[in-house]
Amino acid sequence: MFKPTALIEGLVIDDPSEDFRTAQRIEQYRVGKAALYLPAGLRWNYIPLSAIRSAGESRRTVSAGHCVTVEMKMPTLALETSAGPMTLNLEKPESLQKLLDAIGSRA
Protein backbone atom coordinates (compact mmCIF):
# COMPACT_ATOMS: atom_id res chain seq x y z
CA MET A 1 0.00 0.00 0.00
CA PHE A 2 1.10 3.57 -0.60
CA LYS A 3 2.42 5.85 2.11
CA PRO A 4 1.30 9.51 2.22
CA THR A 5 4.13 12.06 2.36
CA ALA A 6 4.53 14.66 5.11
CA LEU A 7 4.38 18.26 3.85
CA ILE A 8 6.17 19.65 6.89
CA GLU A 9 9.68 18.33 7.12
CA GLY A 10 10.52 16.74 10.45
CA LEU A 11 6.87 16.30 11.50
CA VAL A 12 5.63 12.80 10.76
CA ILE A 13 2.87 10.69 12.25
CA ASP A 14 2.85 7.01 13.15
CA ASP A 15 1.36 4.86 10.38
CA PRO A 16 -0.04 7.48 7.97
CA SER A 17 -1.40 4.72 5.69
CA GLU A 18 -3.71 3.42 8.43
CA ASP A 19 -4.77 6.93 9.47
CA PHE A 20 -5.57 7.73 5.83
CA ARG A 21 -7.60 4.55 5.43
CA THR A 22 -9.90 5.54 8.32
CA ALA A 23 -10.00 9.28 7.47
CA GLN A 24 -13.23 11.18 6.86
CA ARG A 25 -13.62 12.43 3.28
CA ILE A 26 -14.64 16.07 2.80
CA GLU A 27 -14.66 17.00 -0.88
CA GLN A 28 -11.17 16.24 -2.21
CA TYR A 29 -9.56 16.33 1.25
CA ARG A 30 -9.48 13.77 4.07
CA VAL A 31 -9.20 14.29 7.80
CA GLY A 32 -7.87 11.47 9.96
CA LYS A 33 -7.26 11.22 13.69
CA ALA A 34 -3.71 12.50 13.28
CA ALA A 35 -3.49 14.39 9.97
CA LEU A 36 -5.15 16.41 7.21
CA TYR A 37 -4.59 14.76 3.80
CA LEU A 38 -4.24 16.73 0.57
CA PRO A 39 -4.35 15.19 -2.92
CA ALA A 40 -1.17 15.50 -5.02
CA GLY A 41 -1.89 13.90 -8.38
CA LEU A 42 -2.04 10.15 -7.80
CA ARG A 43 -0.43 10.48 -4.36
CA TRP A 44 -1.40 12.08 -1.07
CA ASN A 45 0.43 14.53 1.17
CA TYR A 46 -0.45 15.25 4.77
CA ILE A 47 -0.17 17.90 7.44
CA PRO A 48 -0.14 16.57 11.02
CA LEU A 49 -3.01 18.09 13.00
CA SER A 50 -0.48 19.02 15.68
CA ALA A 51 1.19 21.36 13.14
CA ILE A 52 -2.03 23.35 12.53
CA ARG A 53 -1.95 26.44 14.74
CA SER A 54 -5.24 27.91 13.51
CA ALA A 55 -7.93 27.31 10.93
CA GLY A 56 -10.46 29.87 9.76
CA GLU A 57 -13.03 30.72 7.17
CA SER A 58 -12.04 32.66 4.07
CA ARG A 59 -13.50 33.37 0.64
CA ARG A 60 -12.17 33.54 -2.90
CA THR A 61 -13.83 35.22 -5.86
CA VAL A 62 -14.11 33.32 -9.11
CA SER A 63 -14.70 35.45 -12.21
CA ALA A 64 -16.08 33.97 -15.42
CA GLY A 65 -17.56 35.15 -18.68
CA HIS A 66 -16.44 37.52 -21.41
CA CYS A 67 -19.39 39.74 -22.32
CA VAL A 68 -21.11 39.54 -18.97
CA THR A 69 -18.78 39.02 -16.04
CA VAL A 70 -20.04 36.69 -13.33
CA GLU A 71 -18.43 36.66 -9.91
CA MET A 72 -19.00 33.87 -7.44
CA LYS A 73 -17.84 33.84 -3.83
CA MET A 74 -16.38 30.40 -3.07
CA PRO A 75 -15.39 29.12 0.38
CA THR A 76 -11.77 28.48 1.33
CA LEU A 77 -10.13 27.24 4.49
CA ALA A 78 -7.23 29.38 5.70
CA LEU A 79 -4.70 27.38 7.71
CA GLU A 80 -1.79 28.68 9.72
CA THR A 81 0.75 25.88 10.16
CA SER A 82 4.21 25.63 11.63
CA ALA A 83 5.49 25.78 8.00
CA GLY A 84 3.47 28.91 7.14
CA PRO A 85 0.02 29.79 5.80
CA MET A 86 -1.98 27.53 3.46
CA THR A 87 -5.31 27.89 1.69
CA LEU A 88 -7.58 24.98 0.78
CA ASN A 89 -10.16 25.70 -1.94
CA LEU A 90 -13.64 24.23 -1.51
CA GLU A 91 -16.78 24.05 -3.61
CA LYS A 92 -19.56 23.87 -0.99
CA PRO A 93 -20.08 26.18 2.01
CA GLU A 94 -21.13 23.24 4.22
CA SER A 95 -17.79 21.54 3.50
CA LEU A 96 -15.98 24.47 5.11
CA GLN A 97 -17.81 23.96 8.39
CA LYS A 98 -17.26 20.19 8.26
CA LEU A 99 -13.51 20.72 7.83
CA LEU A 100 -13.37 23.28 10.64
CA ASP A 101 -15.26 20.91 12.94
CA ALA A 102 -13.08 17.93 12.01
CA ILE A 103 -9.81 19.81 12.46
CA GLY A 104 -10.93 21.55 15.64
CA SER A 105 -12.14 18.38 17.33
CA ARG A 106 -8.96 16.43 16.55
CA ALA A 107 -6.21 19.06 16.69
PDB file of N, CA and C in Angstrom:
ATOM      1  N   MET A   1       0.850  -1.185   0.000  1.00  0.00           N
ATOM      2  CA  MET A   1       0.000   0.000   0.000  1.00  0.00           C
ATOM      3  C   MET A   1       0.891   1.243   0.000  1.00  0.00           C
ATOM      4  N   PHE A   2       0.355   2.319  -0.521  1.00  0.00           N
ATOM      5  CA  PHE A   2       1.098   3.570  -0.604  1.00  0.00           C
ATOM      6  C   PHE A   2       1.257   4.202   0.771  1.00  0.00           C
ATOM      7  N   LYS A   3       2.190   5.123   0.857  1.00  0.00           N
ATOM      8  CA  LYS A   3       2.416   5.847   2.109  1.00  0.00           C
ATOM      9  C   LYS A   3       2.341   7.336   1.816  1.00  0.00           C
ATOM     10  N   PRO A   4       1.376   8.059   2.413  1.00  0.00           N
ATOM     11  CA  PRO A   4       1.303   9.512   2.219  1.00  0.00           C
ATOM     12  C   PRO A   4       2.587  10.195   2.695  1.00  0.00           C
ATOM     13  N   THR A   5       2.908  11.319   2.077  1.00  0.00           N
ATOM     14  CA  THR A   5       4.132  12.057   2.359  1.00  0.00           C
ATOM     15  C   THR A   5       3.836  13.263   3.239  1.00  0.00           C
ATOM     16  N   ALA A   6       4.683  13.508   4.225  1.00  0.00           N
ATOM     17  CA  ALA A   6       4.529  14.657   5.112  1.00  0.00           C
ATOM     18  C   ALA A   6       4.911  15.938   4.376  1.00  0.00           C
ATOM     19  N   LEU A   7       4.089  16.967   4.475  1.00  0.00           N
ATOM     20  CA  LEU A   7       4.383  18.263   3.853  1.00  0.00           C
ATOM     21  C   LEU A   7       5.316  19.103   4.706  1.00  0.00           C
ATOM     22  N   ILE A   8       5.321  18.875   6.000  1.00  0.00           N
ATOM     23  CA  ILE A   8       6.165  19.645   6.895  1.00  0.00           C
ATOM     24  C   ILE A   8       7.335  18.753   7.317  1.00  0.00           C
ATOM     25  N   GLU A   9       8.496  19.124   6.869  1.00  0.00           N
ATOM     26  CA  GLU A   9       9.680  18.327   7.125  1.00  0.00           C
ATOM     27  C   GLU A   9       9.948  18.196   8.623  1.00  0.00           C
ATOM     28  N   GLY A  10      10.229  16.983   9.047  1.00  0.00           N
ATOM     29  CA  GLY A  10      10.520  16.743  10.448  1.00  0.00           C
ATOM     30  C   GLY A  10       9.302  16.412  11.294  1.00  0.00           C
ATOM     31  N   LEU A  11       8.104  16.637  10.773  1.00  0.00           N
ATOM     32  CA  LEU A  11       6.872  16.305  11.498  1.00  0.00           C
ATOM     33  C   LEU A  11       6.173  15.157  10.778  1.00  0.00           C
ATOM     34  N   VAL A  12       6.273  13.978  11.346  1.00  0.00           N
ATOM     35  CA  VAL A  12       5.634  12.804  10.765  1.00  0.00           C
ATOM     36  C   VAL A  12       4.731  12.172  11.813  1.00  0.00           C
ATOM     37  N   ILE A  13       3.778  11.390  11.342  1.00  0.00           N
ATOM     38  CA  ILE A  13       2.873  10.690  12.247  1.00  0.00           C
ATOM     39  C   ILE A  13       3.148   9.196  12.153  1.00  0.00           C
ATOM     40  N   ASP A  14       2.727   8.465  13.163  1.00  0.00           N
ATOM     41  CA  ASP A  14       2.850   7.011  13.154  1.00  0.00           C
ATOM     42  C   ASP A  14       1.804   6.436  12.203  1.00  0.00           C
ATOM     43  N   ASP A  15       2.221   5.590  11.302  1.00  0.00           N
ATOM     44  CA  ASP A  15       1.360   4.857  10.375  1.00  0.00           C
ATOM     45  C   ASP A  15       0.362   5.739   9.614  1.00  0.00           C
ATOM     46  N   PRO A  16       0.863   6.625   8.736  1.00  0.00           N
ATOM     47  CA  PRO A  16      -0.041   7.480   7.970  1.00  0.00           C
ATOM     48  C   PRO A  16      -0.964   6.699   7.039  1.00  0.00           C
ATOM     49  N   SER A  17      -0.551   5.527   6.573  1.00  0.00           N
ATOM     50  CA  SER A  17      -1.403   4.715   5.691  1.00  0.00           C
ATOM     51  C   SER A  17      -2.674   4.279   6.408  1.00  0.00           C
ATOM     52  N   GLU A  18      -2.548   3.844   7.652  1.00  0.00           N
ATOM     53  CA  GLU A  18      -3.713   3.417   8.433  1.00  0.00           C
ATOM     54  C   GLU A  18      -4.604   4.609   8.775  1.00  0.00           C
ATOM     55  N   ASP A  19      -3.998   5.727   9.158  1.00  0.00           N
ATOM     56  CA  ASP A  19      -4.774   6.926   9.472  1.00  0.00           C
ATOM     57  C   ASP A  19      -5.546   7.391   8.238  1.00  0.00           C
ATOM     58  N   PHE A  20      -4.908   7.334   7.070  1.00  0.00           N
ATOM     59  CA  PHE A  20      -5.571   7.733   5.825  1.00  0.00           C
ATOM     60  C   PHE A  20      -6.751   6.820   5.521  1.00  0.00           C
ATOM     61  N   ARG A  21      -6.559   5.533   5.740  1.00  0.00           N
ATOM     62  CA  ARG A  21      -7.604   4.553   5.431  1.00  0.00           C
ATOM     63  C   ARG A  21      -8.877   4.818   6.233  1.00  0.00           C
ATOM     64  N   THR A  22      -8.736   5.288   7.460  1.00  0.00           N
ATOM     65  CA  THR A  22      -9.900   5.536   8.317  1.00  0.00           C
ATOM     66  C   THR A  22     -10.342   7.009   8.307  1.00  0.00           C
ATOM     67  N   ALA A  23      -9.710   7.836   7.478  1.00  0.00           N
ATOM     68  CA  ALA A  23      -9.997   9.275   7.470  1.00  0.00           C
ATOM     69  C   ALA A  23     -11.372   9.585   6.877  1.00  0.00           C
ATOM     70  N   GLN A  24     -11.951  10.673   7.357  1.00  0.00           N
ATOM     71  CA  GLN A  24     -13.232  11.176   6.863  1.00  0.00           C
ATOM     72  C   GLN A  24     -12.984  11.975   5.586  1.00  0.00           C
ATOM     73  N   ARG A  25     -13.777  11.721   4.549  1.00  0.00           N
ATOM     74  CA  ARG A  25     -13.624  12.432   3.280  1.00  0.00           C
ATOM     75  C   ARG A  25     -14.524  13.663   3.275  1.00  0.00           C
ATOM     76  N   ILE A  26     -13.912  14.814   2.951  1.00  0.00           N
ATOM     77  CA  ILE A  26     -14.645  16.071   2.803  1.00  0.00           C
ATOM     78  C   ILE A  26     -14.162  16.689   1.505  1.00  0.00           C
ATOM     79  N   GLU A  27     -15.013  16.620   0.483  1.00  0.00           N
ATOM     80  CA  GLU A  27     -14.657  17.004  -0.882  1.00  0.00           C
ATOM     81  C   GLU A  27     -13.400  16.250  -1.294  1.00  0.00           C
ATOM     82  N   GLN A  28     -12.373  16.943  -1.770  1.00  0.00           N
ATOM     83  CA  GLN A  28     -11.172  16.237  -2.214  1.00  0.00           C
ATOM     84  C   GLN A  28     -10.181  15.990  -1.082  1.00  0.00           C
ATOM     85  N   TYR A  29     -10.455  16.466   0.114  1.00  0.00           N
ATOM     86  CA  TYR A  29      -9.557  16.333   1.246  1.00  0.00           C
ATOM     87  C   TYR A  29     -10.024  15.205   2.164  1.00  0.00           C
ATOM     88  N   ARG A  30      -9.137  14.773   3.056  1.00  0.00           N
ATOM     89  CA  ARG A  30      -9.485  13.774   4.067  1.00  0.00           C
ATOM     90  C   ARG A  30      -8.896  14.204   5.403  1.00  0.00           C
ATOM     91  N   VAL A  31      -9.654  13.949   6.463  1.00  0.00           N
ATOM     92  CA  VAL A  31      -9.199  14.286   7.804  1.00  0.00           C
ATOM     93  C   VAL A  31      -9.206  13.018   8.639  1.00  0.00           C
ATOM     94  N   GLY A  32      -8.012  12.638   9.104  1.00  0.00           N
ATOM     95  CA  GLY A  32      -7.868  11.470   9.957  1.00  0.00           C
ATOM     96  C   GLY A  32      -7.751  11.882  11.409  1.00  0.00           C
ATOM     97  N   LYS A  33      -7.431  10.929  12.268  1.00  0.00           N
ATOM     98  CA  LYS A  33      -7.263  11.224  13.691  1.00  0.00           C
ATOM     99  C   LYS A  33      -5.992  12.010  13.947  1.00  0.00           C
ATOM    100  N   ALA A  34      -5.003  11.871  13.037  1.00  0.00           N
ATOM    101  CA  ALA A  34      -3.708  12.499  13.276  1.00  0.00           C
ATOM    102  C   ALA A  34      -3.284  13.508  12.219  1.00  0.00           C
ATOM    103  N   ALA A  35      -3.974  13.534  11.056  1.00  0.00           N
ATOM    104  CA  ALA A  35      -3.493  14.395   9.974  1.00  0.00           C
ATOM    105  C   ALA A  35      -4.607  14.821   9.013  1.00  0.00           C
ATOM    106  N   LEU A  36      -4.319  15.909   8.301  1.00  0.00           N
ATOM    107  CA  LEU A  36      -5.154  16.412   7.207  1.00  0.00           C
ATOM    108  C   LEU A  36      -4.463  16.004   5.916  1.00  0.00           C
ATOM    109  N   TYR A  37      -5.168  15.303   5.033  1.00  0.00           N
ATOM    110  CA  TYR A  37      -4.589  14.765   3.802  1.00  0.00           C
ATOM    111  C   TYR A  37      -5.011  15.592   2.597  1.00  0.00           C
ATOM    112  N   LEU A  38      -4.024  15.912   1.759  1.00  0.00           N
ATOM    113  CA  LEU A  38      -4.238  16.728   0.567  1.00  0.00           C
ATOM    114  C   LEU A  38      -3.855  15.925  -0.669  1.00  0.00           C
ATOM    115  N   PRO A  39      -4.705  15.933  -1.713  1.00  0.00           N
ATOM    116  CA  PRO A  39      -4.349  15.193  -2.920  1.00  0.00           C
ATOM    117  C   PRO A  39      -3.187  15.854  -3.651  1.00  0.00           C
ATOM    118  N   ALA A  40      -2.326  15.014  -4.241  1.00  0.00           N
ATOM    119  CA  ALA A  40      -1.175  15.500  -5.015  1.00  0.00           C
ATOM    120  C   ALA A  40      -1.028  14.585  -6.222  1.00  0.00           C
ATOM    121  N   GLY A  41      -1.892  14.788  -7.221  1.00  0.00           N
ATOM    122  CA  GLY A  41      -1.890  13.898  -8.379  1.00  0.00           C
ATOM    123  C   GLY A  41      -2.422  12.539  -7.966  1.00  0.00           C
ATOM    124  N   LEU A  42      -1.630  11.491  -8.192  1.00  0.00           N
ATOM    125  CA  LEU A  42      -2.042  10.145  -7.801  1.00  0.00           C
ATOM    126  C   LEU A  42      -1.563   9.772  -6.397  1.00  0.00           C
ATOM    127  N   ARG A  43      -0.940  10.700  -5.720  1.00  0.00           N
ATOM    128  CA  ARG A  43      -0.431  10.478  -4.363  1.00  0.00           C
ATOM    129  C   ARG A  43      -1.156  11.398  -3.385  1.00  0.00           C
ATOM    130  N   TRP A  44      -0.828  11.244  -2.120  1.00  0.00           N
ATOM    131  CA  TRP A  44      -1.397  12.085  -1.073  1.00  0.00           C
ATOM    132  C   TRP A  44      -0.285  12.643  -0.207  1.00  0.00           C
ATOM    133  N   ASN A  45      -0.443  13.887   0.195  1.00  0.00           N
ATOM    134  CA  ASN A  45       0.433  14.531   1.168  1.00  0.00           C
ATOM    135  C   ASN A  45      -0.381  14.759   2.430  1.00  0.00           C
ATOM    136  N   TYR A  46       0.297  14.978   3.543  1.00  0.00           N
ATOM    137  CA  TYR A  46      -0.451  15.246   4.770  1.00  0.00           C
ATOM    138  C   TYR A  46       0.228  16.306   5.623  1.00  0.00           C
ATOM    139  N   ILE A  47      -0.614  16.942   6.427  1.00  0.00           N
ATOM    140  CA  ILE A  47      -0.166  17.899   7.441  1.00  0.00           C
ATOM    141  C   ILE A  47      -0.626  17.329   8.777  1.00  0.00           C
ATOM    142  N   PRO A  48       0.289  17.049   9.698  1.00  0.00           N
ATOM    143  CA  PRO A  48      -0.138  16.574  11.020  1.00  0.00           C
ATOM    144  C   PRO A  48      -1.046  17.611  11.688  1.00  0.00           C
ATOM    145  N   LEU A  49      -2.100  17.153  12.333  1.00  0.00           N
ATOM    146  CA  LEU A  49      -3.010  18.091  12.999  1.00  0.00           C
ATOM    147  C   LEU A  49      -2.291  18.888  14.073  1.00  0.00           C
ATOM    148  N   SER A  50      -1.248  18.304  14.653  1.00  0.00           N
ATOM    149  CA  SER A  50      -0.484  19.021  15.678  1.00  0.00           C
ATOM    150  C   SER A  50       0.277  20.219  15.102  1.00  0.00           C
ATOM    151  N   ALA A  51       0.472  20.254  13.780  1.00  0.00           N
ATOM    152  CA  ALA A  51       1.190  21.359  13.142  1.00  0.00           C
ATOM    153  C   ALA A  51       0.258  22.511  12.763  1.00  0.00           C
ATOM    154  N   ILE A  52      -1.060  22.299  12.883  1.00  0.00           N
ATOM    155  CA  ILE A  52      -2.027  23.346  12.530  1.00  0.00           C
ATOM    156  C   ILE A  52      -2.251  24.233  13.745  1.00  0.00           C
ATOM    157  N   ARG A  53      -1.810  25.484  13.628  1.00  0.00           N
ATOM    158  CA  ARG A  53      -1.946  26.441  14.737  1.00  0.00           C
ATOM    159  C   ARG A  53      -3.336  27.050  14.774  1.00  0.00           C
ATOM    160  N   SER A  54      -3.885  27.354  13.578  1.00  0.00           N
ATOM    161  CA  SER A  54      -5.236  27.909  13.513  1.00  0.00           C
ATOM    162  C   SER A  54      -5.851  27.586  12.162  1.00  0.00           C
ATOM    163  N   ALA A  55      -7.178  27.551  12.149  1.00  0.00           N
ATOM    164  CA  ALA A  55      -7.933  27.308  10.926  1.00  0.00           C
ATOM    165  C   ALA A  55      -9.125  28.255  10.937  1.00  0.00           C
ATOM    166  N   GLY A  56      -9.370  28.908   9.814  1.00  0.00           N
ATOM    167  CA  GLY A  56     -10.461  29.869   9.762  1.00  0.00           C
ATOM    168  C   GLY A  56     -11.105  29.949   8.392  1.00  0.00           C
ATOM    169  N   GLU A  57     -12.251  30.553   8.392  1.00  0.00           N
ATOM    170  CA  GLU A  57     -13.032  30.725   7.170  1.00  0.00           C
ATOM    171  C   GLU A  57     -12.461  31.849   6.323  1.00  0.00           C
ATOM    172  N   SER A  58     -12.484  31.641   5.020  1.00  0.00           N
ATOM    173  CA  SER A  58     -12.043  32.657   4.073  1.00  0.00           C
ATOM    174  C   SER A  58     -12.889  32.507   2.812  1.00  0.00           C
ATOM    175  N   ARG A  59     -12.749  33.432   1.906  1.00  0.00           N
ATOM    176  CA  ARG A  59     -13.501  33.371   0.642  1.00  0.00           C
ATOM    177  C   ARG A  59     -12.572  33.716  -0.515  1.00  0.00           C
ATOM    178  N   ARG A  60     -12.873  33.163  -1.676  1.00  0.00           N
ATOM    179  CA  ARG A  60     -12.173  33.540  -2.900  1.00  0.00           C
ATOM    180  C   ARG A  60     -13.238  33.914  -3.914  1.00  0.00           C
ATOM    181  N   THR A  61     -12.898  34.793  -4.820  1.00  0.00           N
ATOM    182  CA  THR A  61     -13.832  35.218  -5.856  1.00  0.00           C
ATOM    183  C   THR A  61     -13.410  34.600  -7.172  1.00  0.00           C
ATOM    184  N   VAL A  62     -14.353  33.941  -7.816  1.00  0.00           N
ATOM    185  CA  VAL A  62     -14.107  33.318  -9.107  1.00  0.00           C
ATOM    186  C   VAL A  62     -14.833  34.143 -10.153  1.00  0.00           C
ATOM    187  N   SER A  63     -14.097  34.656 -11.132  1.00  0.00           N
ATOM    188  CA  SER A  63     -14.697  35.448 -12.209  1.00  0.00           C
ATOM    189  C   SER A  63     -14.785  34.590 -13.472  1.00  0.00           C
ATOM    190  N   ALA A  64     -15.890  34.727 -14.185  1.00  0.00           N
ATOM    191  CA  ALA A  64     -16.075  33.974 -15.422  1.00  0.00           C
ATOM    192  C   ALA A  64     -16.888  34.815 -16.399  1.00  0.00           C
ATOM    193  N   GLY A  65     -16.792  34.471 -17.649  1.00  0.00           N
ATOM    194  CA  GLY A  65     -17.564  35.154 -18.681  1.00  0.00           C
ATOM    195  C   GLY A  65     -16.750  36.216 -19.383  1.00  0.00           C
ATOM    196  N   HIS A  66     -17.136  36.501 -20.626  1.00  0.00           N
ATOM    197  CA  HIS A  66     -16.444  37.518 -21.413  1.00  0.00           C
ATOM    198  C   HIS A  66     -17.314  38.763 -21.570  1.00  0.00           C
ATOM    199  N   CYS A  67     -18.503  38.592 -22.113  1.00  0.00           N
ATOM    200  CA  CYS A  67     -19.386  39.736 -22.323  1.00  0.00           C
ATOM    201  C   CYS A  67     -20.012  40.196 -21.007  1.00  0.00           C
ATOM    202  N   VAL A  68     -20.501  39.244 -20.257  1.00  0.00           N
ATOM    203  CA  VAL A  68     -21.105  39.541 -18.967  1.00  0.00           C
ATOM    204  C   VAL A  68     -20.270  38.830 -17.905  1.00  0.00           C
ATOM    205  N   THR A  69     -19.631  39.594 -17.070  1.00  0.00           N
ATOM    206  CA  THR A  69     -18.779  39.018 -16.039  1.00  0.00           C
ATOM    207  C   THR A  69     -19.627  38.516 -14.888  1.00  0.00           C
ATOM    208  N   VAL A  70     -19.346  37.304 -14.455  1.00  0.00           N
ATOM    209  CA  VAL A  70     -20.041  36.693 -13.333  1.00  0.00           C
ATOM    210  C   VAL A  70     -19.007  36.455 -12.242  1.00  0.00           C
ATOM    211  N   GLU A  71     -19.321  36.884 -11.037  1.00  0.00           N
ATOM    212  CA  GLU A  71     -18.428  36.656  -9.910  1.00  0.00           C
ATOM    213  C   GLU A  71     -19.141  35.798  -8.888  1.00  0.00           C
ATOM    214  N   MET A  72     -18.451  34.766  -8.452  1.00  0.00           N
ATOM    215  CA  MET A  72     -19.001  33.875  -7.437  1.00  0.00           C
ATOM    216  C   MET A  72     -18.066  33.868  -6.237  1.00  0.00           C
ATOM    217  N   LYS A  73     -18.626  33.936  -5.059  1.00  0.00           N
ATOM    218  CA  LYS A  73     -17.844  33.843  -3.825  1.00  0.00           C
ATOM    219  C   LYS A  73     -17.787  32.367  -3.434  1.00  0.00           C
ATOM    220  N   MET A  74     -16.579  31.812  -3.395  1.00  0.00           N
ATOM    221  CA  MET A  74     -16.379  30.402  -3.075  1.00  0.00           C
ATOM    222  C   MET A  74     -15.669  30.285  -1.725  1.00  0.00           C
ATOM    223  N   PRO A  75     -16.022  29.272  -0.928  1.00  0.00           N
ATOM    224  CA  PRO A  75     -15.392  29.115   0.383  1.00  0.00           C
ATOM    225  C   PRO A  75     -13.955  28.582   0.273  1.00  0.00           C
ATOM    226  N   THR A  76     -13.128  29.012   1.187  1.00  0.00           N
ATOM    227  CA  THR A  76     -11.773  28.483   1.332  1.00  0.00           C
ATOM    228  C   THR A  76     -11.478  28.329   2.825  1.00  0.00           C
ATOM    229  N   LEU A  77     -10.563  27.435   3.120  1.00  0.00           N
ATOM    230  CA  LEU A  77     -10.125  27.236   4.492  1.00  0.00           C
ATOM    231  C   LEU A  77      -8.719  27.796   4.608  1.00  0.00           C
ATOM    232  N   ALA A  78      -8.543  28.767   5.479  1.00  0.00           N
ATOM    233  CA  ALA A  78      -7.232  29.377   5.697  1.00  0.00           C
ATOM    234  C   ALA A  78      -6.583  28.689   6.899  1.00  0.00           C
ATOM    235  N   LEU A  79      -5.432  28.073   6.655  1.00  0.00           N
ATOM    236  CA  LEU A  79      -4.700  27.377   7.710  1.00  0.00           C
ATOM    237  C   LEU A  79      -3.414  28.113   8.027  1.00  0.00           C
ATOM    238  N   GLU A  80      -3.083  28.175   9.287  1.00  0.00           N
ATOM    239  CA  GLU A  80      -1.788  28.675   9.724  1.00  0.00           C
ATOM    240  C   GLU A  80      -1.079  27.475  10.342  1.00  0.00           C
ATOM    241  N   THR A  81       0.017  27.045   9.694  1.00  0.00           N
ATOM    242  CA  THR A  81       0.752  25.877  10.163  1.00  0.00           C
ATOM    243  C   THR A  81       2.140  26.285  10.622  1.00  0.00           C
ATOM    244  N   SER A  82       2.851  25.345  11.197  1.00  0.00           N
ATOM    245  CA  SER A  82       4.214  25.629  11.625  1.00  0.00           C
ATOM    246  C   SER A  82       5.138  25.875  10.436  1.00  0.00           C
ATOM    247  N   ALA A  83       4.695  25.521   9.216  1.00  0.00           N
ATOM    248  CA  ALA A  83       5.487  25.776   8.004  1.00  0.00           C
ATOM    249  C   ALA A  83       5.023  27.032   7.270  1.00  0.00           C
ATOM    250  N   GLY A  84       3.986  27.704   7.780  1.00  0.00           N
ATOM    251  CA  GLY A  84       3.471  28.910   7.143  1.00  0.00           C
ATOM    252  C   GLY A  84       2.004  28.774   6.776  1.00  0.00           C
ATOM    253  N   PRO A  85       1.444  29.815   6.144  1.00  0.00           N
ATOM    254  CA  PRO A  85       0.019  29.792   5.796  1.00  0.00           C
ATOM    255  C   PRO A  85      -0.274  28.902   4.590  1.00  0.00           C
ATOM    256  N   MET A  86      -1.494  28.341   4.566  1.00  0.00           N
ATOM    257  CA  MET A  86      -1.983  27.533   3.455  1.00  0.00           C
ATOM    258  C   MET A  86      -3.449  27.852   3.247  1.00  0.00           C
ATOM    259  N   THR A  87      -3.905  27.686   2.016  1.00  0.00           N
ATOM    260  CA  THR A  87      -5.309  27.890   1.693  1.00  0.00           C
ATOM    261  C   THR A  87      -5.823  26.661   0.963  1.00  0.00           C
ATOM    262  N   LEU A  88      -6.955  26.123   1.423  1.00  0.00           N
ATOM    263  CA  LEU A  88      -7.585  24.983   0.782  1.00  0.00           C
ATOM    264  C   LEU A  88      -8.869  25.457   0.117  1.00  0.00           C
ATOM    265  N   ASN A  89      -8.977  25.278  -1.190  1.00  0.00           N
ATOM    266  CA  ASN A  89     -10.160  25.696  -1.937  1.00  0.00           C
ATOM    267  C   ASN A  89     -11.251  24.638  -1.827  1.00  0.00           C
ATOM    268  N   LEU A  90     -12.483  25.112  -1.641  1.00  0.00           N
ATOM    269  CA  LEU A  90     -13.640  24.230  -1.507  1.00  0.00           C
ATOM    270  C   LEU A  90     -14.713  24.649  -2.496  1.00  0.00           C
ATOM    271  N   GLU A  91     -15.675  23.766  -2.704  1.00  0.00           N
ATOM    272  CA  GLU A  91     -16.781  24.047  -3.607  1.00  0.00           C
ATOM    273  C   GLU A  91     -18.071  24.371  -2.855  1.00  0.00           C
ATOM    274  N   LYS A  92     -18.296  23.728  -1.721  1.00  0.00           N
ATOM    275  CA  LYS A  92     -19.555  23.867  -0.994  1.00  0.00           C
ATOM    276  C   LYS A  92     -19.339  24.550   0.358  1.00  0.00           C
ATOM    277  N   PRO A  93     -20.206  25.496   0.707  1.00  0.00           N
ATOM    278  CA  PRO A  93     -20.078  26.176   2.013  1.00  0.00           C
ATOM    279  C   PRO A  93     -20.169  25.214   3.200  1.00  0.00           C
ATOM    280  N   GLU A  94     -21.001  24.175   3.096  1.00  0.00           N
ATOM    281  CA  GLU A  94     -21.132  23.240   4.219  1.00  0.00           C
ATOM    282  C   GLU A  94     -19.857  22.421   4.422  1.00  0.00           C
ATOM    283  N   SER A  95     -19.058  22.250   3.376  1.00  0.00           N
ATOM    284  CA  SER A  95     -17.786  21.535   3.502  1.00  0.00           C
ATOM    285  C   SER A  95     -16.802  22.310   4.366  1.00  0.00           C
ATOM    286  N   LEU A  96     -16.861  23.628   4.298  1.00  0.00           N
ATOM    287  CA  LEU A  96     -15.982  24.466   5.113  1.00  0.00           C
ATOM    288  C   LEU A  96     -16.236  24.214   6.592  1.00  0.00           C
ATOM    289  N   GLN A  97     -17.484  24.193   6.991  1.00  0.00           N
ATOM    290  CA  GLN A  97     -17.812  23.962   8.391  1.00  0.00           C
ATOM    291  C   GLN A  97     -17.436  22.549   8.819  1.00  0.00           C
ATOM    292  N   LYS A  98     -17.642  21.574   7.935  1.00  0.00           N
ATOM    293  CA  LYS A  98     -17.259  20.194   8.257  1.00  0.00           C
ATOM    294  C   LYS A  98     -15.754  20.085   8.502  1.00  0.00           C
ATOM    295  N   LEU A  99     -14.959  20.743   7.651  1.00  0.00           N
ATOM    296  CA  LEU A  99     -13.505  20.718   7.826  1.00  0.00           C
ATOM    297  C   LEU A  99     -13.091  21.406   9.119  1.00  0.00           C
ATOM    298  N   LEU A 100     -13.690  22.563   9.397  1.00  0.00           N
ATOM    299  CA  LEU A 100     -13.374  23.282  10.636  1.00  0.00           C
ATOM    300  C   LEU A 100     -13.718  22.427  11.862  1.00  0.00           C
ATOM    301  N   ASP A 101     -14.863  21.769  11.830  1.00  0.00           N
ATOM    302  CA  ASP A 101     -15.262  20.905  12.944  1.00  0.00           C
ATOM    303  C   ASP A 101     -14.312  19.727  13.089  1.00  0.00           C
ATOM    304  N   ALA A 102     -13.952  19.099  11.978  1.00  0.00           N
ATOM    305  CA  ALA A 102     -13.077  17.927  12.014  1.00  0.00           C
ATOM    306  C   ALA A 102     -11.679  18.286  12.506  1.00  0.00           C
ATOM    307  N   ILE A 103     -11.146  19.393  12.036  1.00  0.00           N
ATOM    308  CA  ILE A 103      -9.807  19.807  12.462  1.00  0.00           C
ATOM    309  C   ILE A 103      -9.831  20.260  13.909  1.00  0.00           C
ATOM    310  N   GLY A 104     -10.842  21.027  14.277  1.00  0.00           N
ATOM    311  CA  GLY A 104     -10.932  21.551  15.638  1.00  0.00           C
ATOM    312  C   GLY A 104     -11.121  20.471  16.688  1.00  0.00           C
ATOM    313  N   SER A 105     -11.870  19.426  16.347  1.00  0.00           N
ATOM    314  CA  SER A 105     -12.144  18.385  17.327  1.00  0.00           C
ATOM    315  C   SER A 105     -10.984  17.407  17.470  1.00  0.00           C
ATOM    316  N   ARG A 106     -10.067  17.396  16.509  1.00  0.00           N
ATOM    317  CA  ARG A 106      -8.963  16.430  16.552  1.00  0.00           C
ATOM    318  C   ARG A 106      -7.612  17.076  16.758  1.00  0.00           C
ATOM    319  N   ALA A 107      -7.520  18.393  16.556  1.00  0.00           N
ATOM    320  CA  ALA A 107      -6.215  19.057  16.687  1.00  0.00           C
ATOM    321  C   ALA A 107      -5.842  19.258  18.134  1.00  0.00           C
TER     322      ALA A 107
END
